[in-house]
Amino acid sequence: MRRSSSYAMVKRLRRGVAVLALVIAPLGFGWSERAVASPARGPVVVAENGVALDVNDHGVVVGSYRATDGTTHAFRWIRGRLTDLGPGVANAVDDRGVAVGQLHDRATFWDRDGTPHDLGLGDQSHVSDINRSGTMVGGFFTSPGEARAFVLEPGADDPVLLPLAPVEGAGSGYPVAINAAGAIAGEFYVDGWSRPMMWQAGAHEPVVLEETAITSSVTGISDHGTIVGASIDDLGYMAVVWRAPDYRQVEVGERGTHSLGRGINDRDQVVGVSYQNGPFRWDPRSGRTTILTGLGEPETRGYSEALAINDRGMTVGYSSPDLLGPTHAIVFGE
């Protein structure tokens, strides 16, 4: 499953209040390959003062939370057990239990046993995602003030820089997610606006996606190649997908509810948030939108966002019962 984009790049609105969504780095101890990963009946808090950013098909949840010293720490959670991974953010975890992200502001991955490995890309580097083959994508500074996107194949000593978007004035691309085939979804910036793009599997040829709005963000990609995100025009936010092979932009979820697409699984189910109705899951086969249960509903001034979904439907993100109160990393109920 591929899910929401990392926190290093994304600032979103929290019902008119700026809210940050976090990024980068988990851990894994052994678990049964038969681990249950079905949706919870009701919301389950996995980390107070935190955000859950990814969940694998064995129910391992990763993200970040605010530690008692006030700093942001990465975490790993499985069946009620929370493990603090140290200063950083947990971005993604694959189904083997390998996690990627950022520890002490440096791009890092963790083995299943929790052993961290610095990728040697320097400060202010990070890994956004990892696919089932172990290929990683992320970003780092090649020189002061010059950031570049990279892909790192398993067994390779050095990362390969991803090409810039074929648009005049385009800045460095930002890779958000990679699928099993090696297709990479992300964004680039031109004239201060974010634009959707992808790098094709294999040669990593950059492709600019169709855009029908002022600006767009990308948050995930499925193994079918469906890319999820959001577009913003003068009418507001719209959760959208771009479907292979032509990658036309299509609005999903409930129309006119000012929504953001945050994550996608390999069944092409989309999760996100509607600012009118709350966190949602959208199924492409039925076209049905299901409103998920967080710690508070819009009517009670709570706020929640669904950020990631695994192939069994387990959905994670963050929630607050009070609009202005702290958020908590949760598994959503229905």
Protein backbone atom coordinates (compact mmCIF):
# COMPACT_ATOMS: atom_id res chain seq x y z
CA MET A 1 0.00 0.00 0.00
CA ARG A 2 1.11 3.54 -0.58
CA ARG A 3 -0.01 6.36 1.52
CA SER A 4 0.09 10.01 2.39
CA SER A 5 3.04 12.16 1.62
CA SER A 6 5.58 13.04 4.26
CA TYR A 7 5.50 15.97 6.61
CA ALA A 8 8.73 17.52 5.39
CA MET A 9 6.85 18.90 2.39
CA VAL A 10 3.22 19.33 3.35
CA LYS A 11 1.36 22.11 5.14
CA ARG A 12 -2.36 21.84 5.12
CA LEU A 13 -5.22 23.75 6.65
CA ARG A 14 -6.89 22.46 9.81
CA ARG A 15 -10.35 23.91 9.36
CA GLY A 16 -8.83 27.31 8.76
CA VAL A 17 -6.02 26.73 11.28
CA ALA A 18 -2.62 25.80 9.82
CA VAL A 19 -1.73 22.20 10.63
CA LEU A 20 1.42 20.29 9.88
CA ALA A 21 1.37 16.63 8.90
CA LEU A 22 4.70 14.84 9.98
CA VAL A 23 7.43 12.58 8.36
CA ILE A 24 9.95 9.82 8.58
CA ALA A 25 11.28 6.61 10.42
CA PRO A 26 10.10 3.39 12.23
CA LEU A 27 11.32 0.12 13.68
CA GLY A 28 10.27 -3.48 13.58
CA PHE A 29 10.40 -6.40 15.93
CA GLY A 30 9.23 -9.83 14.86
CA TRP A 31 5.53 -10.37 14.36
CA SER A 32 3.42 -13.18 12.99
CA GLU A 33 2.88 -13.17 9.24
CA ARG A 34 -0.76 -13.82 10.15
CA ALA A 35 -1.04 -10.63 12.16
CA VAL A 36 -4.57 -9.29 12.06
CA ALA A 37 -4.86 -5.96 10.27
CA SER A 38 -8.60 -5.47 10.00
CA PRO A 39 -10.19 -2.08 10.71
CA ALA A 40 -10.95 -1.31 14.33
CA ARG A 41 -14.61 -1.09 15.42
CA GLY A 42 -13.89 2.23 17.07
CA PRO A 43 -10.98 4.67 17.06
CA VAL A 44 -7.83 3.49 18.86
CA VAL A 45 -5.19 5.96 20.07
CA VAL A 46 -1.72 4.67 19.24
CA ALA A 47 0.30 7.74 20.32
CA GLU A 48 -0.82 10.84 22.17
CA ASN A 49 0.27 14.20 20.72
CA GLY A 50 1.15 12.53 17.47
CA VAL A 51 0.39 11.63 13.87
CA ALA A 52 0.27 8.16 12.30
CA LEU A 53 1.68 8.31 8.78
CA ASP A 54 1.73 4.74 7.51
CA VAL A 55 0.47 1.24 8.24
CA ASN A 56 1.59 -2.00 6.62
CA ASP A 57 -0.52 -5.07 5.91
CA HIS A 58 0.52 -6.65 9.23
CA GLY A 59 -0.90 -3.74 11.20
CA VAL A 60 2.39 -2.03 12.06
CA VAL A 61 1.78 1.70 12.43
CA VAL A 62 4.49 4.36 12.24
CA GLY A 63 4.60 8.11 12.63
CA SER A 64 5.72 10.84 14.99
CA TYR A 65 4.70 12.25 18.33
CA ARG A 66 5.78 14.96 20.75
CA ALA A 67 7.95 13.51 23.50
CA THR A 68 7.96 14.73 27.09
CA ASP A 69 10.97 16.95 26.37
CA GLY A 70 8.97 18.76 23.68
CA THR A 71 10.89 17.32 20.71
CA THR A 72 9.44 15.30 17.86
CA HIS A 73 10.17 11.57 18.07
CA ALA A 74 9.50 8.74 15.65
CA PHE A 75 7.39 5.82 16.84
CA ARG A 76 6.39 2.30 15.92
CA TRP A 77 3.17 0.71 17.21
CA ILE A 78 1.87 -2.84 16.96
CA ARG A 79 -1.02 -4.33 18.93
CA GLY A 80 -0.96 -1.80 21.71
CA ARG A 81 2.82 -1.62 22.08
CA LEU A 82 4.46 1.74 21.34
CA THR A 83 8.19 1.95 20.71
CA ASP A 84 9.98 5.31 20.76
CA LEU A 85 12.57 5.40 17.96
CA GLY A 86 14.30 8.60 18.98
CA PRO A 87 14.36 12.13 17.55
CA GLY A 88 12.88 12.05 14.08
CA VAL A 89 9.75 11.09 12.18
CA ALA A 90 8.61 7.73 10.82
CA ASN A 91 7.46 8.06 7.22
CA ALA A 92 6.83 4.59 5.89
CA VAL A 93 7.08 0.90 6.69
CA ASP A 94 7.00 -1.92 4.17
CA ASP A 95 5.47 -5.35 4.70
CA ARG A 96 8.88 -6.87 5.56
CA GLY A 97 9.11 -4.47 8.50
CA VAL A 98 11.85 -2.28 7.02
CA ALA A 99 11.16 1.34 7.87
CA VAL A 100 12.47 4.54 6.32
CA GLY A 101 12.64 8.14 7.34
CA GLN A 102 14.79 10.55 9.22
CA LEU A 103 16.72 10.23 12.47
CA HIS A 104 18.51 13.27 13.90
CA ASP A 105 17.62 15.13 10.68
CA ARG A 106 19.37 12.53 8.49
CA ALA A 107 18.00 10.03 6.00
CA THR A 108 17.80 6.63 7.71
CA PHE A 109 16.30 3.18 7.36
CA TRP A 110 15.70 0.64 10.10
CA ASP A 111 15.95 -3.14 9.91
CA ARG A 112 13.19 -5.33 11.31
CA ASP A 113 15.16 -5.64 14.53
CA GLY A 114 15.28 -1.86 14.86
CA THR A 115 18.91 -1.34 13.84
CA PRO A 116 19.21 2.11 12.22
CA HIS A 117 21.32 2.75 9.12
CA ASP A 118 22.30 6.29 8.15
CA LEU A 119 22.32 6.65 4.35
CA GLY A 120 25.19 9.12 4.50
CA LEU A 121 23.33 11.91 2.71
CA GLY A 122 24.05 14.57 5.30
CA ASP A 123 21.88 16.82 7.41
CA GLN A 124 18.40 17.80 6.25
CA SER A 125 18.03 14.63 4.22
CA HIS A 126 15.16 12.18 4.42
CA VAL A 127 13.60 9.07 2.91
CA SER A 128 9.97 9.45 1.87
CA ASP A 129 9.06 5.89 0.95
CA ILE A 130 10.22 2.34 0.25
CA ASN A 131 8.66 -0.29 -2.00
CA ARG A 132 8.50 -4.05 -1.55
CA SER A 133 11.78 -4.51 -3.45
CA GLY A 134 13.60 -2.22 -1.04
CA THR A 135 13.97 0.73 -3.42
CA MET A 136 13.90 4.04 -1.52
CA VAL A 137 13.09 7.59 -2.60
CA GLY A 138 13.67 10.87 -0.84
CA GLY A 139 15.56 14.13 -0.92
CA PHE A 140 18.86 15.68 0.18
CA PHE A 141 21.05 18.71 -0.45
CA THR A 142 23.67 18.28 -3.17
CA SER A 143 25.17 21.68 -2.26
CA PRO A 144 24.18 24.53 0.05
CA GLY A 145 20.72 25.68 -0.95
CA GLU A 146 20.30 23.08 -3.72
CA ALA A 147 18.01 20.17 -2.87
CA ARG A 148 17.55 17.19 -5.18
CA ALA A 149 15.34 14.13 -5.30
CA PHE A 150 16.92 10.68 -5.30
CA VAL A 151 16.18 7.01 -5.78
CA LEU A 152 18.33 4.37 -4.07
CA GLU A 153 18.15 0.80 -5.35
CA PRO A 154 18.79 -2.09 -2.94
CA GLY A 155 22.47 -2.99 -2.82
CA ALA A 156 23.57 0.25 -4.47
CA ASP A 157 26.26 2.30 -2.76
CA ASP A 158 25.05 5.68 -3.94
CA PRO A 159 21.69 7.22 -4.78
CA VAL A 160 20.75 8.27 -8.31
CA LEU A 161 19.47 11.81 -8.79
CA LEU A 162 16.01 12.01 -10.34
CA PRO A 163 15.64 14.26 -13.41
CA LEU A 164 13.99 17.65 -13.08
CA ALA A 165 10.54 18.22 -14.53
CA PRO A 166 10.62 19.25 -18.23
CA VAL A 167 9.10 22.66 -17.49
CA GLU A 168 10.88 26.00 -17.81
CA GLY A 169 11.73 27.37 -14.39
CA ALA A 170 10.93 24.11 -12.61
CA GLY A 171 12.60 23.63 -9.25
CA SER A 172 13.72 20.38 -7.73
CA GLY A 173 11.14 17.60 -7.74
CA TYR A 174 9.96 16.07 -4.50
CA PRO A 175 9.32 12.28 -4.52
CA VAL A 176 6.44 11.29 -2.25
CA ALA A 177 5.85 7.59 -2.91
CA ILE A 178 7.06 4.63 -4.98
CA ASN A 179 5.08 1.58 -6.04
CA ALA A 180 6.10 -2.04 -6.59
CA ALA A 181 6.95 -1.47 -10.25
CA GLY A 182 9.24 1.44 -9.38
CA ALA A 183 7.00 4.29 -10.59
CA ILE A 184 7.55 7.35 -8.39
CA ALA A 185 4.89 9.97 -7.64
CA GLY A 186 5.73 13.46 -6.47
CA GLU A 187 5.67 17.20 -7.05
CA PHE A 188 7.79 19.99 -8.40
CA TYR A 189 7.61 23.72 -7.89
CA VAL A 190 7.46 26.52 -10.42
CA ASP A 191 6.71 30.18 -9.70
CA GLY A 192 5.93 29.23 -6.10
CA TRP A 193 3.19 26.71 -7.01
CA SER A 194 3.35 22.95 -6.55
CA ARG A 195 2.64 20.84 -9.64
CA PRO A 196 1.97 17.07 -9.87
CA MET A 197 4.45 14.78 -11.58
CA MET A 198 5.77 11.23 -11.72
CA TRP A 199 8.96 9.48 -12.71
CA GLN A 200 8.31 6.41 -14.83
CA ALA A 201 9.63 3.02 -13.72
CA GLY A 202 12.97 2.01 -15.17
CA ALA A 203 14.63 5.04 -16.73
CA HIS A 204 12.87 7.48 -14.35
CA GLU A 205 11.65 9.68 -17.18
CA PRO A 206 9.78 12.64 -15.64
CA VAL A 207 6.14 13.15 -16.65
CA VAL A 208 4.08 16.21 -15.71
CA LEU A 209 0.52 15.20 -14.82
CA GLU A 210 -2.62 16.85 -16.18
CA GLU A 211 -3.77 19.67 -13.94
CA THR A 212 -7.10 21.48 -14.05
CA ALA A 213 -6.59 23.71 -11.01
CA ILE A 214 -4.37 26.49 -9.72
CA THR A 215 -2.06 24.13 -7.86
CA SER A 216 -1.99 20.46 -6.89
CA SER A 217 -0.30 18.19 -4.38
CA VAL A 218 0.51 14.49 -4.63
CA THR A 219 0.30 12.17 -1.64
CA GLY A 220 0.57 8.55 -2.82
CA ILE A 221 0.62 5.95 -5.59
CA SER A 222 -0.86 2.45 -5.83
CA ASP A 223 0.63 -0.59 -7.53
CA HIS A 224 -1.88 -0.01 -10.35
CA GLY A 225 -0.20 3.34 -10.92
CA THR A 226 -3.12 5.41 -9.62
CA ILE A 227 -1.83 8.60 -8.04
CA VAL A 228 -3.79 10.40 -5.30
CA GLY A 229 -3.64 13.95 -4.08
CA ALA A 230 -5.56 17.20 -4.09
CA SER A 231 -6.09 20.20 -6.32
CA ILE A 232 -6.96 23.73 -5.33
CA ASP A 233 -8.90 26.17 -7.48
CA ASP A 234 -11.00 29.25 -6.78
CA LEU A 235 -13.79 26.97 -5.49
CA GLY A 236 -11.62 25.28 -2.86
CA TYR A 237 -9.95 21.89 -2.29
CA MET A 238 -10.74 18.75 -4.28
CA ALA A 239 -9.55 15.19 -3.57
CA VAL A 240 -8.36 13.81 -6.91
CA VAL A 241 -6.69 10.84 -8.55
CA TRP A 242 -4.68 10.53 -11.73
CA ARG A 243 -5.21 7.10 -13.37
CA ALA A 244 -2.83 5.30 -15.70
CA PRO A 245 -2.22 5.20 -18.59
CA ASP A 246 -3.31 8.71 -19.58
CA TYR A 247 -3.20 10.19 -16.04
CA ARG A 248 -6.25 12.38 -16.44
CA GLN A 249 -7.27 14.13 -13.25
CA VAL A 250 -10.53 12.82 -11.73
CA GLU A 251 -12.27 14.16 -8.63
CA VAL A 252 -13.13 11.52 -5.99
CA GLY A 253 -15.20 11.37 -2.82
CA GLU A 254 -18.14 13.65 -2.20
CA ARG A 255 -18.23 16.60 -4.55
CA GLY A 256 -18.24 20.10 -3.17
CA THR A 257 -17.09 19.16 0.34
CA HIS A 258 -13.61 20.77 0.16
CA SER A 259 -11.64 17.54 0.49
CA LEU A 260 -8.03 16.36 0.40
CA GLY A 261 -6.90 12.94 -0.85
CA ARG A 262 -4.25 11.75 1.61
CA GLY A 263 -3.49 8.08 0.96
CA ILE A 264 -4.21 5.13 -1.32
CA ASN A 265 -3.85 1.34 -1.07
CA ASP A 266 -3.29 -1.25 -3.77
CA ARG A 267 -7.05 -1.72 -4.16
CA ASP A 268 -7.11 1.97 -5.18
CA GLN A 269 -9.18 2.86 -2.12
CA VAL A 270 -8.56 6.50 -1.21
CA VAL A 271 -8.57 8.04 2.26
CA GLY A 272 -8.48 11.67 3.24
CA VAL A 273 -10.52 14.40 4.82
CA SER A 274 -13.59 16.40 3.87
CA TYR A 275 -13.73 19.70 5.70
CA GLN A 276 -17.50 19.41 5.86
CA ASN A 277 -17.90 15.74 6.81
CA GLY A 278 -14.58 14.63 8.34
CA PRO A 279 -12.21 11.75 7.52
CA PHE A 280 -13.34 9.47 4.71
CA ARG A 281 -12.60 6.33 2.70
CA TRP A 282 -13.62 6.17 -0.97
CA ASP A 283 -13.99 2.88 -2.87
CA PRO A 284 -13.48 3.06 -6.66
CA ARG A 285 -15.50 -0.09 -7.35
CA SER A 286 -18.70 1.11 -5.73
CA GLY A 287 -18.06 4.84 -5.77
CA ARG A 288 -19.12 4.82 -2.12
CA THR A 289 -17.71 7.27 0.40
CA THR A 290 -17.58 6.10 4.03
CA ILE A 291 -17.13 8.62 6.83
CA LEU A 292 -14.66 7.31 9.43
CA THR A 293 -14.85 7.71 13.19
CA GLY A 294 -12.20 9.78 14.93
CA LEU A 295 -11.99 11.14 18.47
CA GLY A 296 -14.32 14.03 17.71
CA GLU A 297 -16.73 14.96 14.98
CA PRO A 298 -17.07 18.32 13.19
CA GLU A 299 -20.29 18.97 15.10
CA THR A 300 -18.37 18.78 18.38
CA ARG A 301 -15.51 20.87 16.96
CA GLY A 302 -13.18 17.91 16.77
CA TYR A 303 -10.87 17.43 13.80
CA SER A 304 -9.43 14.33 12.13
CA GLU A 305 -7.53 13.40 8.98
CA ALA A 306 -7.11 9.91 7.52
CA LEU A 307 -3.59 9.68 6.07
CA ALA A 308 -2.92 6.05 5.14
CA ILE A 309 -4.76 2.80 4.44
CA ASN A 310 -3.44 -0.74 4.06
CA ASP A 311 -4.81 -3.37 1.71
CA ARG A 312 -7.07 -4.77 4.44
CA GLY A 313 -8.71 -1.43 5.03
CA MET A 314 -6.96 -0.48 8.27
CA THR A 315 -6.80 3.31 8.22
CA VAL A 316 -4.56 5.58 10.29
CA GLY A 317 -3.99 9.28 10.73
CA TYR A 318 -4.59 11.79 13.48
CA SER A 319 -7.51 13.13 15.46
CA SER A 320 -8.38 15.67 18.11
CA PRO A 321 -11.67 15.88 20.04
CA ASP A 322 -11.09 19.64 20.27
CA LEU A 323 -10.36 21.78 17.24
CA LEU A 324 -7.62 23.69 19.04
CA GLY A 325 -6.36 20.84 21.22
CA PRO A 326 -3.47 18.41 20.59
CA THR A 327 -3.83 15.77 17.92
CA HIS A 328 -3.38 12.06 18.60
CA ALA A 329 -2.17 9.33 16.25
CA ILE A 330 -5.03 6.88 15.79
CA VAL A 331 -6.42 3.86 13.99
CA PHE A 332 -9.83 4.94 12.70
CA GLY A 333 -13.12 3.21 13.35
CA GLU A 334 -16.23 3.34 11.19
